[in-house]
Amino acid sequence: MNIPFVLICLVIIALLIYSAVRLNRRLNERLAELDAERERNPLDPFSALMELYRLQEERKRGK
């Protein structure tokens, strides 16, 4: 068995796991911020729908 290859693979796996954990924490923090923002400002479904229509129209027009 090639020991240096195994060690390099283990290091790469450890870095990928570290990156995944870090990104997961950042995502969870952002979701918590969004939940807190939603609690402060409840979403009006009609205004949200109008905003989606406005964004769709702007995209069609090429803005």
Protein backbone atom coordinates (compact mmCIF):
# COMPACT_ATOMS: atom_id res chain seq x y z
CA MET A 1 0.00 0.00 0.00
CA ASN A 2 1.22 3.46 -0.87
CA ILE A 3 1.42 5.34 2.45
CA PRO A 4 1.97 8.90 1.06
CA PHE A 5 -1.05 8.53 -1.23
CA VAL A 6 -3.22 7.38 1.68
CA LEU A 7 -2.02 10.28 3.85
CA ILE A 8 -2.71 12.83 1.11
CA CYS A 9 -6.19 11.38 0.59
CA LEU A 10 -6.88 11.56 4.33
CA VAL A 11 -5.79 15.20 4.40
CA ILE A 12 -8.04 16.02 1.45
CA ILE A 13 -10.97 14.23 3.09
CA ALA A 14 -10.36 16.10 6.36
CA LEU A 15 -10.31 19.45 4.49
CA LEU A 16 -13.54 18.61 2.67
CA ILE A 17 -15.24 17.64 5.93
CA TYR A 18 -14.02 20.85 7.59
CA SER A 19 -15.31 22.90 4.65
CA ALA A 20 -18.70 21.16 4.73
CA VAL A 21 -19.08 21.74 8.47
CA ARG A 22 -18.11 25.41 8.13
CA LEU A 23 -20.55 25.98 5.26
CA ASN A 24 -23.28 24.20 7.20
CA ARG A 25 -22.76 26.50 10.19
CA ARG A 26 -22.88 29.60 7.99
CA LEU A 27 -26.03 28.37 6.31
CA ASN A 28 -27.70 27.64 9.65
CA GLU A 29 -26.75 31.11 10.93
CA ARG A 30 -28.22 32.71 7.82
CA LEU A 31 -31.42 30.67 8.14
CA ALA A 32 -31.74 31.75 11.77
CA GLU A 33 -31.35 35.39 10.69
CA LEU A 34 -34.03 34.96 8.05
CA ASP A 35 -36.40 33.33 10.54
CA ALA A 36 -35.86 36.20 12.99
CA GLU A 37 -36.51 38.71 10.20
CA ARG A 38 -39.71 36.91 9.21
CA GLU A 39 -40.92 37.00 12.80
CA ARG A 40 -40.38 40.77 12.91
CA ASN A 41 -41.92 41.40 9.48
CA PRO A 42 -44.53 38.82 8.55
CA LEU A 43 -44.83 38.32 4.82
CA ASP A 44 -47.91 39.60 3.08
CA PRO A 45 -48.64 37.00 0.38
CA PHE A 46 -50.21 39.50 -2.02
CA SER A 47 -47.32 41.95 -1.87
CA ALA A 48 -44.89 39.06 -2.30
CA LEU A 49 -46.80 37.90 -5.38
CA MET A 50 -46.76 41.42 -6.83
CA GLU A 51 -43.01 41.62 -6.22
CA LEU A 52 -42.51 38.33 -8.08
CA TYR A 53 -44.58 39.62 -11.01
CA ARG A 54 -42.58 42.84 -11.05
CA LEU A 55 -39.28 40.95 -11.11
CA GLN A 56 -40.59 38.70 -13.88
CA GLU A 57 -41.61 41.69 -15.98
CA GLU A 58 -38.23 43.34 -15.48
CA ARG A 59 -36.50 40.17 -16.61
CA LYS A 60 -38.69 39.99 -19.72
CA ARG A 61 -37.89 43.59 -20.57
CA GLY A 62 -34.18 42.97 -20.11
CA LYS A 63 -33.46 45.28 -17.23
